[in-house]
């Protein structure tokens, strides 16, 4: 079992920055990849960024060049640095983990609200 806890959300003006953190605990050695999803009201949940155990990353086209996913293995924590934020980035952001030998992200955090507004 893996437990994920997000933090760092809040209200920010357009063009501002936030850094989200996700602390992992439990059987973290079984995790092949971690990622950040987001879901806005009335919209489907979408993958924003992912990072593998080996450090390979991928991003949604809408956030490339603005968001950066990283991990600190010593702290068992994954981060999402969000720069140049836009109102359309407003959503609940979820940390997720994908176990080895599994095609799906099956572990989820509770979510943290990010609101970009003037």
Protein backbone atom coordinates (compact mmCIF):
# COMPACT_ATOMS: atom_id res chain seq x y z
CA UNK A 1 0.00 0.00 0.00
CA UNK A 2 1.15 3.54 -0.81
CA UNK A 3 -0.12 6.70 0.84
CA UNK A 4 0.17 10.10 -0.85
CA UNK A 5 -0.31 13.51 0.74
CA UNK A 6 -0.37 16.72 -1.33
CA UNK A 7 0.27 20.24 -0.13
CA UNK A 8 1.11 23.67 -1.53
CA UNK A 9 -2.08 24.69 -3.28
CA UNK A 10 -3.64 28.11 -2.91
CA UNK A 11 -4.74 31.30 -4.63
CA UNK A 12 -2.32 33.01 -6.99
CA UNK A 13 -2.55 35.78 -9.58
CA UNK A 14 -2.04 35.08 -13.29
CA UNK A 15 1.66 34.94 -14.05
CA UNK A 16 2.50 33.81 -10.54
CA UNK A 17 4.06 30.59 -9.29
CA UNK A 18 3.28 27.78 -6.89
CA UNK A 19 5.09 24.61 -5.90
CA UNK A 20 3.08 21.54 -5.02
CA UNK A 21 4.54 18.79 -2.88
CA UNK A 22 3.52 15.15 -2.52
CA UNK A 23 4.92 13.07 0.31
CA UNK A 24 4.80 9.31 -0.24
CA UNK A 25 4.82 6.65 2.43
CA UNK A 26 4.24 2.92 2.67
CA UNK A 27 5.49 0.52 -0.01
CA UNK A 28 7.17 3.21 -2.07
CA UNK A 29 9.63 0.68 -3.48
CA UNK A 30 6.75 -0.82 -5.47
CA UNK A 31 6.08 2.45 -7.36
CA UNK A 32 7.23 2.61 -10.98
CA UNK A 33 6.07 6.14 -11.71
CA UNK A 34 4.44 9.12 -10.06
CA UNK A 35 2.44 11.89 -11.59
CA UNK A 36 0.27 14.93 -11.12
CA UNK A 37 -3.30 15.02 -12.39
CA UNK A 38 -5.75 17.87 -12.28
CA UNK A 39 -9.51 18.17 -12.54
CA UNK A 40 -11.52 21.32 -13.06
CA UNK A 41 -15.28 21.52 -12.41
CA UNK A 42 -17.22 19.84 -15.20
CA UNK A 43 -14.08 18.49 -16.86
CA UNK A 44 -12.35 15.12 -16.92
CA UNK A 45 -9.27 14.45 -14.89
CA UNK A 46 -6.13 14.89 -16.98
CA UNK A 47 -2.49 13.94 -16.55
CA UNK A 48 -0.38 17.05 -16.14
CA UNK A 49 3.08 15.56 -15.61
CA UNK A 50 4.69 12.22 -14.84
CA UNK A 51 8.08 10.99 -13.68
CA UNK A 52 9.45 7.45 -13.64
CA UNK A 53 11.72 5.82 -11.10
CA UNK A 54 14.58 6.45 -13.51
CA UNK A 55 13.80 10.16 -13.75
CA UNK A 56 12.18 10.26 -17.18
CA UNK A 57 9.48 12.95 -17.39
CA UNK A 58 6.55 13.82 -19.59
CA UNK A 59 4.13 16.75 -19.65
CA UNK A 60 0.81 17.73 -21.08
CA UNK A 61 1.24 20.10 -24.01
CA UNK A 62 -0.67 22.79 -22.15
CA UNK A 63 1.96 23.03 -19.40
CA UNK A 64 5.21 22.39 -21.26
CA UNK A 65 7.74 25.10 -20.56
CA UNK A 66 5.81 26.30 -17.51
CA UNK A 67 5.60 23.30 -15.16
CA UNK A 68 8.42 21.09 -13.90
CA UNK A 69 8.03 17.78 -12.11
CA UNK A 70 10.85 16.52 -9.91
CA UNK A 71 11.47 14.14 -7.05
CA UNK A 72 13.65 14.04 -3.96
CA UNK A 73 14.33 10.38 -3.28
CA UNK A 74 15.86 11.08 0.13
CA UNK A 75 12.60 12.71 1.25
CA UNK A 76 10.27 10.39 -0.70
CA UNK A 77 8.65 13.48 -2.15
CA UNK A 78 7.60 14.54 -5.63
CA UNK A 79 7.14 18.19 -6.60
CA UNK A 80 5.36 20.17 -9.25
CA UNK A 81 6.81 23.62 -9.83
CA UNK A 82 4.21 25.72 -11.61
CA UNK A 83 5.31 28.99 -13.22
CA UNK A 84 3.51 31.53 -15.42
CA UNK A 85 0.18 30.31 -14.12
CA UNK A 86 -2.95 30.96 -16.14
CA UNK A 87 -6.62 31.03 -15.09
CA UNK A 88 -7.15 27.82 -17.07
CA UNK A 89 -4.73 26.09 -14.69
CA UNK A 90 -7.35 26.39 -11.96
CA UNK A 91 -8.23 22.89 -10.75
CA UNK A 92 -7.86 20.39 -7.98
CA UNK A 93 -4.43 18.83 -8.36
CA UNK A 94 -3.90 15.20 -7.38
CA UNK A 95 -0.71 13.31 -6.79
CA UNK A 96 -0.80 9.77 -8.17
CA UNK A 97 1.41 6.69 -8.23
CA UNK A 98 1.60 3.76 -10.64
CA UNK A 99 2.71 0.38 -9.30
CA UNK A 100 5.12 -1.86 -11.15
CA UNK A 101 3.51 -4.15 -13.73
CA UNK A 102 0.42 -1.96 -13.84
CA UNK A 103 -0.71 0.30 -16.68
CA UNK A 104 -2.83 2.52 -14.43
CA UNK A 105 -2.22 5.06 -11.72
CA UNK A 106 -3.94 3.35 -8.80
CA UNK A 107 -2.80 5.33 -5.75
CA UNK A 108 -4.17 8.81 -5.21
CA UNK A 109 -3.73 11.68 -2.82
CA UNK A 110 -6.59 13.73 -1.42
CA UNK A 111 -6.05 16.65 -3.79
CA UNK A 112 -5.08 20.27 -3.32
CA UNK A 113 -6.92 23.27 -4.79
CA UNK A 114 -5.07 25.65 -7.11
CA UNK A 115 -6.91 28.82 -8.08
CA UNK A 116 -5.42 31.32 -10.54
CA UNK A 117 -7.37 34.56 -10.51
CA UNK A 118 -6.85 38.30 -10.40
